[in-house]
Protein backbone atom coordinates (compact mmCIF):
# COMPACT_ATOMS: atom_id res chain seq x y z
CA UNK A 1 0.38 -0.06 -0.16
CA UNK A 2 1.77 2.92 -1.19
CA UNK A 3 1.26 5.83 0.75
CA UNK A 4 2.41 9.61 0.41
CA UNK A 5 2.68 12.28 3.46
CA UNK A 6 3.14 16.42 2.08
CA UNK A 7 7.50 15.73 2.66
CA UNK A 8 7.73 19.18 1.42
CA UNK A 9 5.22 21.22 3.61
CA UNK A 10 6.80 19.34 7.03
CA UNK A 11 8.11 20.54 9.62
CA UNK A 12 11.74 19.10 11.02
CA UNK A 13 9.89 18.27 13.63
CA UNK A 14 6.67 16.35 11.91
CA UNK A 15 8.58 14.07 10.23
CA UNK A 16 10.91 13.03 13.42
CA UNK A 17 7.62 12.66 14.83
CA UNK A 18 6.64 10.24 11.99
CA UNK A 19 10.28 8.68 12.20
CA UNK A 20 9.69 8.07 15.71
CA UNK A 21 5.95 6.24 15.54
CA UNK A 22 7.58 4.17 13.05
CA UNK A 23 10.56 3.16 14.90
CA UNK A 24 8.09 2.56 18.08
CA UNK A 25 6.42 0.22 15.72
CA UNK A 26 9.00 -2.14 14.52
CA UNK A 27 10.04 -2.34 18.09
CA UNK A 28 7.14 -3.18 19.11
CA UNK A 29 6.08 -6.12 16.00
CA UNK A 30 10.66 -6.88 16.38
CA UNK A 31 9.95 -10.66 16.02
CA UNK A 32 7.62 -10.46 12.88
CA UNK A 33 10.78 -9.23 10.83
CA UNK A 34 13.47 -11.03 9.64
CA UNK A 35 16.65 -10.16 9.36
CA UNK A 36 17.90 -9.73 5.05
CA UNK A 37 20.73 -12.35 4.03
CA UNK A 38 23.61 -9.54 3.97
CA UNK A 39 23.10 -8.35 7.39
CA UNK A 40 24.10 -12.16 8.67
CA UNK A 41 27.23 -11.94 6.48
CA UNK A 42 28.26 -8.29 7.29
CA UNK A 43 27.64 -9.88 10.83
CA UNK A 44 29.86 -11.93 10.32
CA UNK A 45 32.62 -10.41 8.59
CA UNK A 46 32.76 -7.55 11.30
CA UNK A 47 32.56 -10.51 14.31
CA UNK A 48 35.92 -11.95 12.10
CA UNK A 49 37.94 -8.50 12.29
CA UNK A 50 37.40 -8.30 15.75
CA UNK A 51 38.98 -11.56 15.91
CA UNK A 52 41.61 -11.25 14.06
CA UNK A 53 42.37 -7.87 15.63
CA UNK A 54 41.45 -5.63 12.66
CA UNK A 55 38.92 -3.97 13.78
CA UNK A 56 38.25 -3.57 17.40
CA UNK A 57 35.21 -2.80 20.06
CA UNK A 58 34.49 0.50 21.73
CA UNK A 59 31.93 1.41 24.27
CA UNK A 60 29.07 4.03 22.94
CA UNK A 61 30.32 6.82 25.45
CA UNK A 62 33.93 6.69 23.41
CA UNK A 63 33.03 6.47 20.00
CA UNK A 64 30.80 8.71 20.22
CA UNK A 65 34.07 10.65 21.73
CA UNK A 66 35.69 9.45 19.14
CA UNK A 67 33.83 10.19 15.86
CA UNK A 68 32.67 13.67 17.41
CA UNK A 69 36.72 14.92 17.20
CA UNK A 70 36.72 13.50 13.57
CA UNK A 71 33.97 15.34 12.65
CA UNK A 72 35.16 18.31 14.99
CA UNK A 73 31.44 18.18 15.91
C-alpha cells in the first residue's frame, strides 16, 4: 500500500515524530521481521575482523567522542 506524506510542507519536528512512530512500531513487532541475508554476512565479517585484530569494539560513549573529534563537532 503506497503511503504519501506531504514531506515538502512538514516541519523537521513533524518528520521526526513520524520517524519515531515508525521505529516504535518496529520495536514492538520486531519478532515479525526477518533480517536480510546480507545482514548475517556483514555481522560475520565484523566478528572476524575483531577476532583477527583488524577491528576493535568500543563502548558507545568512547565511540561518540571519537566521532565528534573526527568530525570536529
